[in-house]
N, C-alpha and C. Protein backbone atom coordinates (compact mmCIF):
# COMPACT_ATOMS: atom_id res chain seq x y z
N MET A 1 0.82 -1.33 0.02
CA MET A 1 0.45 -0.53 0.02
C MET A 1 0.73 1.25 0.56
N LEU A 2 0.63 1.84 -0.78
CA LEU A 2 0.85 3.63 -0.88
C LEU A 2 0.81 4.76 0.49
N PRO A 3 2.13 5.21 0.89
CA PRO A 3 1.74 5.89 1.93
C PRO A 3 0.51 6.69 2.40
N PHE A 4 0.48 7.29 1.01
CA PHE A 4 -0.17 8.16 0.35
C PHE A 4 -1.73 8.36 -0.55
N GLU A 5 -2.82 7.41 0.20
CA GLU A 5 -4.02 6.48 -0.32
C GLU A 5 -4.60 7.66 -1.26
N SER A 6 -5.16 8.74 -0.95
CA SER A 6 -5.84 9.40 -1.06
C SER A 6 -5.75 10.38 -1.53
N ALA A 7 -4.51 10.30 -1.33
CA ALA A 7 -4.34 12.26 -1.23
C ALA A 7 -5.26 12.55 -3.08
N ILE A 8 -5.48 12.50 -3.61
CA ILE A 8 -6.13 14.08 -4.65
C ILE A 8 -7.12 12.69 -4.37
N PRO A 9 -8.14 13.80 -5.05
CA PRO A 9 -9.77 13.72 -5.07
C PRO A 9 -9.25 12.19 -6.45
N PRO A 10 -9.97 11.11 -6.31
CA PRO A 10 -10.33 10.12 -7.93
C PRO A 10 -11.72 10.92 -9.63
N TRP A 11 -12.19 11.92 -8.77
CA TRP A 11 -12.77 12.71 -10.14
C TRP A 11 -11.35 14.22 -10.57
N VAL A 12 -10.40 14.20 -9.67
CA VAL A 12 -9.34 14.77 -10.05
C VAL A 12 -8.39 14.27 -10.31
N ALA A 13 -7.97 13.34 -10.26
CA ALA A 13 -7.18 11.89 -11.22
C ALA A 13 -7.82 11.55 -12.66
N GLY A 14 -9.05 10.79 -12.76
CA GLY A 14 -9.71 10.89 -13.47
C GLY A 14 -9.89 11.61 -15.04
N CYS A 15 -9.93 12.51 -14.25
CA CYS A 15 -10.61 14.24 -15.73
C CYS A 15 -8.52 14.51 -15.95
N SER A 16 -7.85 14.03 -14.41
CA SER A 16 -6.31 14.58 -15.25
C SER A 16 -6.32 13.35 -16.46
N CYS A 17 -6.53 12.57 -16.24
CA CYS A 17 -5.93 10.84 -16.97
C CYS A 17 -6.64 11.41 -18.22
N ILE A 18 -7.84 12.16 -18.60
CA ILE A 18 -8.71 12.67 -19.59
C ILE A 18 -8.16 12.92 -19.99
N PHE A 19 -7.50 14.95 -19.53
CA PHE A 19 -6.57 15.24 -19.39
C PHE A 19 -5.18 14.86 -20.79
N PHE A 20 -4.51 14.01 -19.93
CA PHE A 20 -3.05 13.40 -20.61
C PHE A 20 -3.53 12.99 -22.02
N ALA A 21 -4.19 12.45 -21.81
CA ALA A 21 -5.19 11.58 -23.15
C ALA A 21 -5.31 12.77 -24.54
N THR A 22 -6.32 13.77 -24.04
CA THR A 22 -6.51 14.84 -25.03
C THR A 22 -5.12 15.84 -25.26
N LEU A 23 -4.55 16.23 -24.34
CA LEU A 23 -3.27 16.98 -24.83
C LEU A 23 -1.85 15.92 -25.71
N PHE A 24 -2.06 14.81 -25.61
CA PHE A 24 -1.32 13.82 -26.25
C PHE A 24 -1.46 14.64 -27.88
N VAL A 25 -2.73 13.05 -28.17
CA VAL A 25 -3.67 13.65 -29.21
C VAL A 25 -3.65 14.71 -30.20
N GLY A 26 -3.78 16.54 -28.66
CA GLY A 26 -3.99 16.87 -29.89
C GLY A 26 -2.14 17.60 -29.84
N SER A 27 -1.23 17.51 -29.40
CA SER A 27 0.20 17.83 -29.61
C SER A 27 -0.04 17.21 -31.38
N LEU A 28 0.44 16.49 -31.23
CA LEU A 28 0.38 15.61 -33.23
C LEU A 28 0.06 16.71 -34.29
N TYR A 29 -0.82 17.45 -33.59
CA TYR A 29 -2.06 18.44 -34.58
C TYR A 29 -1.05 19.73 -33.55
N LEU A 30 -0.25 20.08 -32.91
CA LEU A 30 -0.04 21.74 -32.87
C LEU A 30 1.00 22.30 -33.79
N PHE A 31 1.08 21.94 -34.19
CA PHE A 31 2.34 22.45 -35.37
C PHE A 31 2.10 21.60 -36.82
N PRO A 32 0.78 22.42 -37.27
CA PRO A 32 0.61 21.50 -39.04
C PRO A 32 1.53 21.73 -39.56
N VAL A 33 1.39 21.63 -40.69
CA VAL A 33 3.25 21.68 -42.26
C VAL A 33 1.68 20.87 -43.34
N LYS A 34 1.83 22.29 -43.94
CA LYS A 34 1.34 22.59 -45.04
C LYS A 34 2.25 22.10 -46.07
N LYS A 35 2.12 21.76 -47.45
CA LYS A 35 2.16 21.84 -48.73
C LYS A 35 2.62 23.37 -49.20
N GLN A 36 3.72 23.01 -49.51
CA GLN A 36 4.05 25.07 -50.45
C GLN A 36 2.76 24.96 -51.44
N ALA A 37 2.74 26.51 -51.45
CA ALA A 37 1.17 26.87 -52.84
C ALA A 37 1.96 27.17 -53.36
N PRO A 38 1.02 26.12 -54.70
CA PRO A 38 1.58 26.06 -56.07
C PRO A 38 2.09 27.72 -56.32
N THR A 39 2.57 27.41 -57.87
CA THR A 39 2.99 28.96 -58.41
C THR A 39 1.99 28.98 -59.36
N GLY A 40 1.13 28.46 -59.92
CA GLY A 40 -0.01 28.82 -60.92
C GLY A 40 -0.82 29.09 -60.70
N ASN A 41 -1.58 29.61 -61.80
CA ASN A 41 -3.04 30.10 -61.38
C ASN A 41 -4.12 29.38 -60.40
N HIS A 42 -3.97 28.10 -60.43
CA HIS A 42 -5.11 27.68 -59.40
C HIS A 42 -4.84 27.04 -58.06
N ALA A 43 -5.81 27.36 -57.05
CA ALA A 43 -5.57 26.62 -55.59
C ALA A 43 -6.01 25.22 -56.02
N PRO A 44 -4.72 24.99 -54.56
CA PRO A 44 -5.53 23.51 -54.68
C PRO A 44 -5.97 23.08 -53.88
N ASP A 45 -6.94 21.83 -54.31
CA ASP A 45 -7.81 21.50 -53.09
C ASP A 45 -7.44 21.14 -51.45
N ARG A 46 -8.28 21.18 -50.57
CA ARG A 46 -8.11 20.81 -49.36
C ARG A 46 -6.94 19.83 -49.09
N SER A 47 -7.12 18.80 -49.33
CA SER A 47 -7.15 17.64 -49.24
C SER A 47 -5.31 17.79 -49.81
N GLN A 48 -5.14 18.12 -51.01
CA GLN A 48 -3.80 18.19 -51.06
C GLN A 48 -2.35 19.28 -50.47
N GLN A 49 -3.69 20.27 -49.43
CA GLN A 49 -2.41 21.37 -49.20
C GLN A 49 -1.73 20.02 -47.49
N ARG A 50 -2.56 19.00 -47.30
CA ARG A 50 -2.02 18.82 -45.65
C ARG A 50 -0.84 17.85 -45.92
N LEU A 51 0.25 17.50 -45.89
CA LEU A 51 1.34 16.94 -46.31
C LEU A 51 0.69 14.92 -45.38
N ASP A 52 1.44 14.05 -45.83
CA ASP A 52 0.88 12.75 -45.23
C ASP A 52 1.38 12.76 -44.00
N ARG A 53 0.98 11.35 -43.15
CA ARG A 53 1.56 12.10 -41.59
C ARG A 53 2.71 10.74 -41.89
N ASP A 54 3.54 10.31 -42.95
CA ASP A 54 5.11 10.07 -42.93
C ASP A 54 5.57 10.73 -43.10
N HIS A 55 5.05 12.09 -43.95
CA HIS A 55 6.38 12.67 -44.74
C HIS A 55 7.39 13.72 -43.95
N PRO A 56 8.62 13.35 -43.14
CA PRO A 56 9.30 14.54 -42.77
C PRO A 56 9.41 15.08 -41.74
N LEU A 57 8.77 16.21 -42.24
CA LEU A 57 8.73 17.75 -41.83
C LEU A 57 7.18 17.10 -40.73
N VAL A 58 6.22 16.56 -41.01
CA VAL A 58 4.90 16.17 -40.18
C VAL A 58 6.11 15.10 -38.50
N ILE A 59 6.56 14.69 -39.09
CA ILE A 59 6.92 13.96 -38.65
C ILE A 59 7.50 14.55 -37.34
N LYS A 60 8.91 15.48 -37.93
CA LYS A 60 9.51 16.14 -36.85
C LYS A 60 8.73 17.25 -36.46
N GLN A 61 7.59 17.66 -35.91
CA GLN A 61 6.61 18.85 -35.84
C GLN A 61 5.66 17.84 -35.16
N ARG A 62 5.48 16.99 -35.52
CA ARG A 62 4.65 15.68 -33.85
C ARG A 62 5.59 15.70 -33.10
N ILE A 63 7.18 15.42 -33.22
CA ILE A 63 8.26 14.76 -32.30
C ILE A 63 8.07 16.51 -31.40
N LYS A 64 8.32 17.30 -31.73
CA LYS A 64 8.36 18.51 -30.83
C LYS A 64 6.95 18.64 -30.37
N GLY A 65 5.90 18.72 -30.48
CA GLY A 65 4.43 17.98 -30.02
C GLY A 65 4.78 17.74 -28.42
N ILE A 66 5.35 16.41 -28.77
CA ILE A 66 5.05 15.05 -27.76
C ILE A 66 6.15 15.61 -26.51
N VAL A 67 7.11 16.13 -27.05
CA VAL A 67 8.07 16.70 -26.34
C VAL A 67 7.36 16.86 -25.26
N LEU A 68 7.05 18.58 -26.05
CA LEU A 68 6.45 19.67 -25.13
C LEU A 68 5.26 19.20 -24.44
N THR A 69 4.40 18.31 -25.18
CA THR A 69 3.39 18.00 -23.96
C THR A 69 3.74 17.11 -22.45
N SER A 70 4.68 16.01 -22.78
CA SER A 70 5.46 15.65 -21.95
C SER A 70 5.88 16.21 -20.75
N VAL A 71 6.79 17.68 -21.17
CA VAL A 71 7.45 18.44 -19.96
C VAL A 71 6.36 19.07 -19.80
N LEU A 72 4.53 19.55 -19.80
CA LEU A 72 3.59 19.87 -19.63
C LEU A 72 3.07 19.08 -18.57
N ILE A 73 2.88 17.77 -18.62
CA ILE A 73 2.61 16.58 -18.52
C ILE A 73 3.22 15.69 -16.88
N THR A 74 4.48 16.83 -17.35
CA THR A 74 5.24 16.13 -15.91
C THR A 74 5.49 17.13 -14.92
N LEU A 75 5.33 19.20 -15.43
CA LEU A 75 4.82 20.26 -14.65
C LEU A 75 2.74 19.82 -13.66
N TYR A 76 2.48 19.30 -14.83
CA TYR A 76 0.97 19.36 -13.63
C TYR A 76 0.70 18.41 -12.96
N LEU A 77 1.74 16.65 -12.91
CA LEU A 77 2.21 16.16 -12.33
C LEU A 77 3.13 17.05 -10.76
N TRP A 78 3.88 17.62 -10.95
CA TRP A 78 4.51 17.99 -10.02
C TRP A 78 3.55 18.96 -9.45
N VAL A 79 2.99 19.95 -9.86
CA VAL A 79 1.67 20.98 -8.93
C VAL A 79 0.50 20.05 -8.20
N VAL A 80 0.64 18.72 -8.77
CA VAL A 80 -0.66 18.40 -8.40
C VAL A 80 -0.19 17.77 -7.44
N PHE A 81 0.45 16.76 -7.28
CA PHE A 81 1.03 16.25 -6.05
C PHE A 81 1.46 17.03 -4.94
N SER A 82 2.60 18.59 -5.33
CA SER A 82 2.69 19.33 -4.58
C SER A 82 1.85 20.34 -3.42
N ILE A 83 1.06 20.82 -4.19
CA ILE A 83 -0.47 21.19 -3.53
C ILE A 83 -1.41 20.10 -2.31
N SER A 84 -1.37 18.91 -3.18
CA SER A 84 -2.24 17.53 -2.69
C SER A 84 -1.18 17.24 -1.45
N GLY A 85 -0.25 17.22 -1.46
CA GLY A 85 0.86 16.65 -0.83
C GLY A 85 0.80 15.30 -0.90
N ALA A 86 1.03 14.86 -1.58
CA ALA A 86 1.56 13.72 -1.94
C ALA A 86 2.59 13.14 -2.35
N ILE A 87 3.45 14.08 -2.51
CA ILE A 87 5.32 14.07 -2.08
C ILE A 87 5.06 14.17 -0.89
N PRO A 88 5.81 14.63 -0.20
CA PRO A 88 6.07 15.63 0.86
C PRO A 88 7.17 16.46 -0.03
N PHE A 89 7.75 17.63 0.28
CA PHE A 89 8.35 18.16 -0.20
C PHE A 89 9.89 17.14 0.36
N ASP A 90 10.54 16.90 1.21
CA ASP A 90 11.36 16.50 1.22
C ASP A 90 11.44 15.24 0.62
N GLN A 91 10.81 14.85 0.58
CA GLN A 91 10.82 13.09 -0.37
C GLN A 91 10.99 13.01 -2.22
N ALA A 92 10.76 15.16 -2.47
CA ALA A 92 10.46 15.36 -3.80
C ALA A 92 11.40 14.88 -4.30
N THR A 93 13.26 14.72 -3.93
CA THR A 93 14.23 14.62 -4.38
C THR A 93 14.70 13.50 -4.27
N TYR A 94 15.16 12.28 -5.22
CA TYR A 94 15.37 11.03 -4.29
C TYR A 94 16.64 11.14 -4.73
N GLY A 95 17.35 10.25 -3.99
CA GLY A 95 18.64 9.99 -3.62
C GLY A 95 19.49 8.86 -5.22
N LEU A 96 19.91 8.67 -5.30
CA LEU A 96 20.96 7.43 -6.68
C LEU A 96 20.26 6.26 -6.69
N ALA A 97 20.08 5.75 -4.92
CA ALA A 97 19.58 4.01 -4.50
C ALA A 97 18.07 3.99 -5.38
N GLN A 98 17.31 5.61 -5.58
CA GLN A 98 16.18 5.40 -5.95
C GLN A 98 15.75 5.85 -6.65
N TRP A 99 16.70 6.20 -6.84
CA TRP A 99 16.69 6.30 -8.53
C TRP A 99 17.06 4.96 -9.42
N LEU A 100 18.37 5.01 -9.41
CA LEU A 100 17.97 3.18 -9.81
C LEU A 100 17.33 2.36 -9.69
N HIS A 101 16.30 1.77 -8.36
CA HIS A 101 15.90 1.51 -8.57
C HIS A 101 14.45 1.76 -9.07
N HIS A 102 14.14 3.07 -9.23
CA HIS A 102 12.42 3.30 -10.36
C HIS A 102 12.69 3.24 -11.36
N ILE A 103 14.28 2.66 -12.58
CA ILE A 103 14.77 3.36 -13.60
C ILE A 103 14.57 1.89 -13.70
N PHE A 104 15.63 0.76 -13.07
CA PHE A 104 15.52 -0.63 -13.83
C PHE A 104 14.35 -1.63 -13.23
N THR A 105 13.95 -1.23 -12.24
CA THR A 105 12.46 -2.60 -12.15
C THR A 105 12.49 -2.58 -13.28
N PRO A 106 10.92 -1.51 -13.40
CA PRO A 106 11.37 -1.36 -14.50
C PRO A 106 11.05 -2.22 -15.99
N LEU A 107 12.26 -1.58 -16.08
CA LEU A 107 12.92 -2.73 -17.42
C LEU A 107 12.71 -4.13 -16.87
N ALA A 108 13.21 -4.62 -15.75
CA ALA A 108 14.00 -5.79 -15.71
C ALA A 108 11.78 -6.08 -15.84
N LEU A 109 10.93 -5.77 -15.59
CA LEU A 109 9.91 -6.36 -15.68
C LEU A 109 8.71 -5.62 -16.74
N VAL A 110 9.63 -5.43 -18.19
CA VAL A 110 9.91 -5.78 -19.38
C VAL A 110 10.67 -6.88 -20.06
N VAL A 111 11.08 -7.06 -19.61
CA VAL A 111 12.28 -8.10 -19.79
C VAL A 111 11.95 -9.64 -19.67
N ILE A 112 10.94 -9.61 -18.74
CA ILE A 112 10.28 -10.48 -18.22
C ILE A 112 8.65 -10.94 -19.44
N LEU A 113 8.68 -10.20 -19.64
CA LEU A 113 6.79 -9.27 -20.93
C LEU A 113 7.70 -9.76 -21.69
N PHE A 114 8.43 -9.72 -22.17
CA PHE A 114 9.01 -9.97 -23.99
C PHE A 114 9.85 -10.91 -24.11
N LEU A 115 10.29 -11.67 -22.11
CA LEU A 115 10.76 -13.90 -22.28
C LEU A 115 10.07 -13.92 -23.16
N GLY A 116 9.20 -13.86 -23.95
CA GLY A 116 8.93 -15.07 -24.49
C GLY A 116 9.10 -15.08 -26.14
N PRO A 117 8.89 -13.87 -26.77
CA PRO A 117 9.56 -13.52 -27.79
C PRO A 117 10.87 -13.48 -27.97
N LEU A 118 11.47 -12.67 -27.03
CA LEU A 118 13.20 -13.40 -26.95
C LEU A 118 13.72 -14.67 -27.77
N VAL A 119 12.68 -15.40 -26.72
CA VAL A 119 13.28 -16.86 -26.51
C VAL A 119 12.73 -17.45 -28.15
N MET A 120 11.80 -17.74 -28.86
CA MET A 120 11.82 -17.94 -29.74
C MET A 120 12.96 -17.65 -30.99
N MET A 121 13.02 -15.78 -30.79
CA MET A 121 14.02 -15.09 -31.31
C MET A 121 14.68 -16.47 -31.43
N LEU A 122 15.57 -16.94 -30.39
CA LEU A 122 16.69 -16.69 -29.86
C LEU A 122 17.26 -18.09 -30.62
N ILE A 123 15.96 -18.60 -30.10
CA ILE A 123 15.39 -20.52 -31.01
C ILE A 123 16.05 -20.39 -33.14
N ASP A 124 15.57 -19.11 -32.99
CA ASP A 124 15.89 -19.21 -34.57
C ASP A 124 16.56 -18.07 -35.62
N SER A 125 17.92 -18.09 -34.42
CA SER A 125 18.83 -17.56 -34.25
C SER A 125 18.97 -16.05 -35.02
N GLU A 126 17.82 -15.12 -33.81
CA GLU A 126 17.13 -13.56 -35.27
C GLU A 126 17.91 -12.35 -34.11
N LEU A 127 18.43 -13.73 -32.60
CA LEU A 127 19.69 -11.78 -31.73
C LEU A 127 20.69 -11.95 -32.33
N PRO A 128 20.69 -10.05 -31.88
CA PRO A 128 22.24 -9.67 -33.02
C PRO A 128 23.81 -10.50 -32.07
N PHE A 129 24.32 -10.89 -32.60
CA PHE A 129 24.69 -12.06 -33.56
C PHE A 129 24.60 -12.87 -33.47
N GLN A 130 24.03 -13.67 -34.12
CA GLN A 130 23.10 -15.15 -34.25
C GLN A 130 23.33 -14.71 -35.79
N SER A 131 23.16 -16.38 -36.60
CA SER A 131 23.78 -16.04 -38.24
C SER A 131 22.75 -14.93 -38.49
N ARG A 132 20.89 -15.10 -37.93
CA ARG A 132 19.82 -14.79 -39.19
C ARG A 132 19.46 -12.68 -39.21
N PHE A 133 20.44 -12.31 -37.96
CA PHE A 133 20.55 -11.04 -37.37
C PHE A 133 21.23 -10.24 -38.32
N TYR A 134 20.74 -9.42 -38.59
CA TYR A 134 21.92 -8.63 -39.57
C TYR A 134 21.10 -6.93 -39.34
N TRP A 135 22.58 -5.91 -38.65
CA TRP A 135 22.92 -5.24 -38.28
C TRP A 135 21.54 -3.85 -39.04
N ARG A 136 22.30 -4.62 -40.20
CA ARG A 136 22.06 -3.53 -41.07
C ARG A 136 20.81 -2.77 -41.36
N ASN A 137 20.38 -4.10 -41.41
CA ASN A 137 18.70 -3.81 -41.55
C ASN A 137 17.73 -3.15 -40.58
N GLN A 138 18.49 -3.40 -39.23
CA GLN A 138 17.92 -3.07 -37.63
C GLN A 138 18.57 -1.41 -38.22
N LEU A 139 19.50 -1.20 -38.31
CA LEU A 139 19.83 0.05 -38.04
C LEU A 139 19.07 0.72 -39.25
N GLN A 140 19.12 0.33 -40.88
CA GLN A 140 18.20 1.47 -41.49
C GLN A 140 16.54 1.89 -40.92
N ASN A 141 16.73 0.92 -40.63
CA ASN A 141 15.25 1.90 -40.07
C ASN A 141 15.35 3.12 -38.57
N LEU A 142 15.78 2.54 -38.30
CA LEU A 142 16.87 4.14 -37.62
C LEU A 142 17.21 5.01 -37.44
N ARG A 143 17.37 4.84 -39.43
CA ARG A 143 17.87 6.37 -39.74
C ARG A 143 17.59 7.00 -40.49
N GLU A 144 15.88 6.51 -40.17
CA GLU A 144 14.54 8.06 -41.02
C GLU A 144 13.99 7.84 -40.33
N TRP A 145 13.22 9.26 -40.32
CA TRP A 145 11.78 9.45 -39.63
C TRP A 145 10.35 9.20 -39.38
N ILE A 146 10.70 7.94 -40.09
CA ILE A 146 9.48 7.02 -39.25
C ILE A 146 9.83 5.79 -38.66
N GLY A 147 10.85 5.40 -38.48
CA GLY A 147 12.06 4.10 -37.84
C GLY A 147 12.33 5.26 -36.15
N ILE A 148 12.69 6.96 -36.24
CA ILE A 148 13.02 6.73 -34.72
C ILE A 148 11.42 6.79 -34.06
N ARG A 149 10.30 7.82 -34.94
CA ARG A 149 8.45 7.66 -34.52
C ARG A 149 8.89 6.44 -34.15
N ASN A 150 9.07 5.28 -35.21
CA ASN A 150 8.28 4.25 -34.54
C ASN A 150 8.71 3.58 -33.43
N TYR A 151 10.13 3.19 -33.30
CA TYR A 151 10.66 2.45 -32.07
C TYR A 151 11.24 3.58 -30.94
N ILE A 152 11.24 4.56 -30.83
CA ILE A 152 11.95 5.20 -30.29
C ILE A 152 11.16 6.58 -29.59
N VAL A 153 10.52 7.59 -30.81
CA VAL A 153 9.30 8.31 -29.50
C VAL A 153 8.48 7.80 -29.14
N GLY A 154 7.17 7.00 -29.88
CA GLY A 154 6.06 7.00 -30.60
C GLY A 154 6.05 5.90 -28.42
N PRO A 155 6.95 4.73 -28.50
CA PRO A 155 7.43 4.29 -27.28
C PRO A 155 7.43 4.59 -26.10
N ILE A 156 8.23 5.08 -26.24
CA ILE A 156 9.01 6.44 -24.57
C ILE A 156 7.70 7.16 -24.82
N ALA A 157 7.45 7.94 -25.32
CA ALA A 157 6.39 9.18 -24.93
C ALA A 157 5.22 8.24 -24.52
N GLU A 158 4.44 7.49 -25.15
CA GLU A 158 3.39 6.14 -24.44
C GLU A 158 3.22 5.80 -23.68
N GLU A 159 4.66 5.12 -22.83
CA GLU A 159 4.88 4.97 -22.09
C GLU A 159 5.44 5.49 -21.53
N TYR A 160 5.32 6.70 -20.64
CA TYR A 160 5.53 7.77 -20.09
C TYR A 160 4.61 8.31 -20.06
N ILE A 161 3.68 9.18 -20.91
CA ILE A 161 2.11 9.75 -20.93
C ILE A 161 1.36 8.66 -19.91
N PHE A 162 1.18 7.64 -20.66
CA PHE A 162 -0.47 6.86 -20.24
C PHE A 162 0.10 5.34 -19.45
N ARG A 163 1.39 4.82 -20.11
CA ARG A 163 1.67 4.62 -17.99
C ARG A 163 2.41 5.26 -17.19
N ALA A 164 3.08 5.94 -16.66
CA ALA A 164 3.81 6.00 -15.85
C ALA A 164 2.97 8.08 -15.42
N CYS A 165 2.83 8.32 -15.98
CA CYS A 165 1.87 9.39 -15.71
C CYS A 165 0.81 9.38 -15.16
N MET A 166 -0.56 8.51 -15.79
CA MET A 166 -1.45 8.43 -15.26
C MET A 166 -1.88 7.64 -14.46
N VAL A 167 -1.21 6.30 -13.92
CA VAL A 167 -0.77 5.45 -13.02
C VAL A 167 -0.50 5.92 -12.08
N SER A 168 0.41 7.10 -12.25
CA SER A 168 1.26 7.53 -10.78
C SER A 168 -0.34 8.29 -10.39
N ILE A 169 -0.47 9.41 -11.02
CA ILE A 169 -1.99 9.90 -10.65
C ILE A 169 -3.17 9.03 -10.46
N THR A 170 -3.21 8.17 -10.62
CA THR A 170 -4.31 7.00 -10.32
C THR A 170 -4.32 6.51 -9.02
N ALA A 171 -2.71 6.08 -8.92
CA ALA A 171 -2.54 5.72 -7.82
C ALA A 171 -2.46 6.52 -6.11
N THR A 172 -2.25 7.70 -6.85
CA THR A 172 -2.14 9.17 -5.53
C THR A 172 -3.48 8.85 -5.13
N SER A 173 -5.07 8.90 -5.70
CA SER A 173 -5.92 8.99 -4.94
C SER A 173 -6.96 7.46 -4.99
N GLY A 174 -6.04 7.18 -5.08
CA GLY A 174 -6.14 5.65 -4.31
C GLY A 174 -7.35 4.63 -4.93
N ALA A 175 -6.87 4.83 -5.57
CA ALA A 175 -7.69 3.61 -6.23
C ALA A 175 -7.30 2.75 -7.01
N SER A 176 -8.08 1.78 -6.94
CA SER A 176 -8.22 -0.42 -6.56
C SER A 176 -6.80 -0.59 -7.98
N PRO A 177 -6.39 -1.55 -7.72
CA PRO A 177 -5.40 -1.94 -8.56
C PRO A 177 -6.80 -2.82 -9.89
N LYS A 178 -8.00 -3.12 -9.82
CA LYS A 178 -9.23 -3.41 -10.54
C LYS A 178 -9.27 -2.02 -12.02
N ALA A 179 -9.71 -1.18 -11.74
CA ALA A 179 -9.55 0.10 -11.74
C ALA A 179 -8.79 0.68 -12.51
N MET A 180 -7.03 0.85 -11.88
CA MET A 180 -6.31 0.85 -13.20
C MET A 180 -6.68 -0.05 -14.14
N ILE A 181 -6.81 -1.55 -14.10
CA ILE A 181 -6.15 -2.16 -14.15
C ILE A 181 -7.14 -2.53 -15.78
N PHE A 182 -7.99 -2.26 -15.87
CA PHE A 182 -9.40 -2.24 -16.25
C PHE A 182 -10.32 -0.31 -17.51
N GLY A 183 -9.59 0.29 -16.78
CA GLY A 183 -9.50 2.24 -16.78
C GLY A 183 -9.16 2.83 -17.70
N LEU A 184 -8.16 2.35 -16.79
CA LEU A 184 -6.27 3.58 -17.74
C LEU A 184 -7.01 2.45 -19.11
N PRO A 185 -6.38 1.48 -19.38
CA PRO A 185 -6.77 0.88 -20.73
C PRO A 185 -7.85 1.64 -21.98
N LEU A 186 -8.54 1.27 -21.21
CA LEU A 186 -9.79 1.92 -21.93
C LEU A 186 -9.70 3.56 -22.16
N VAL A 187 -8.76 4.95 -21.55
CA VAL A 187 -7.96 6.17 -21.85
C VAL A 187 -6.89 5.57 -23.11
N PHE A 188 -6.48 5.06 -21.94
CA PHE A 188 -4.60 4.59 -23.37
C PHE A 188 -5.71 3.68 -25.29
N GLY A 189 -6.67 3.22 -25.07
CA GLY A 189 -7.70 3.14 -26.02
C GLY A 189 -8.64 4.73 -27.19
N ILE A 190 -8.85 5.49 -26.47
CA ILE A 190 -9.03 6.56 -27.00
C ILE A 190 -7.93 7.55 -27.02
N GLY A 191 -6.83 7.70 -27.21
CA GLY A 191 -6.19 8.33 -27.53
C GLY A 191 -4.94 7.67 -28.78
N GLU A 192 -5.17 6.50 -28.72
CA GLU A 192 -4.69 4.86 -30.01
C GLU A 192 -5.84 5.55 -30.47
N HIS A 193 -6.50 5.34 -30.97
CA HIS A 193 -7.73 5.22 -32.01
C HIS A 193 -7.21 6.97 -32.62
N THR A 194 -7.71 7.61 -31.56
CA THR A 194 -7.83 9.41 -32.39
C THR A 194 -6.26 9.55 -32.67
N SER A 195 -5.68 8.99 -32.44
CA SER A 195 -4.01 9.40 -32.83
C SER A 195 -3.45 8.93 -34.75
N PHE A 196 -4.46 7.45 -34.99
CA PHE A 196 -4.56 7.28 -35.94
C PHE A 196 -5.16 7.62 -37.31
N VAL A 197 -5.39 9.30 -36.77
CA VAL A 197 -6.25 9.77 -37.47
C VAL A 197 -5.57 10.60 -38.24
């Protein structure tokens, strides 16, 4: 059990989660990029004015929006936790041991979660330094903006906003694990669904 079980009212936690999802999706459209206007006499229709979501300029602008959103949500949580007393001021700064614990425990859980696929890749010789693993193919994905979005920025942003931030504010409201297990994925699903548009 957490020492600050219900420091934040449940309605504040619920509204905050919806606010986070809305901010996440809104940030994707915060810095719109449009095609250059043609030099001819005819004006392009609306469908030709917007660039595709896979265009490098659009990806760069969306990454800027996601970074800004992550900073704003972090500041919001700090303010809410400070005002509510959920985290006492003397515990707001951690020592190195606490930081390492909070970093490596989730990483260990992710490794355990993906242990099945890792074993299958080991059997199929598809892990690094095995016969069917090709560094060139893997690095090619990370040289393009689509790969950076899909493999680096997207997963980190989603895990940070939809898991770390939402779970922390929901847990401090005293929500049960069942409510978090079944409620937060709904908010995540709404955010995911609208980000594909």
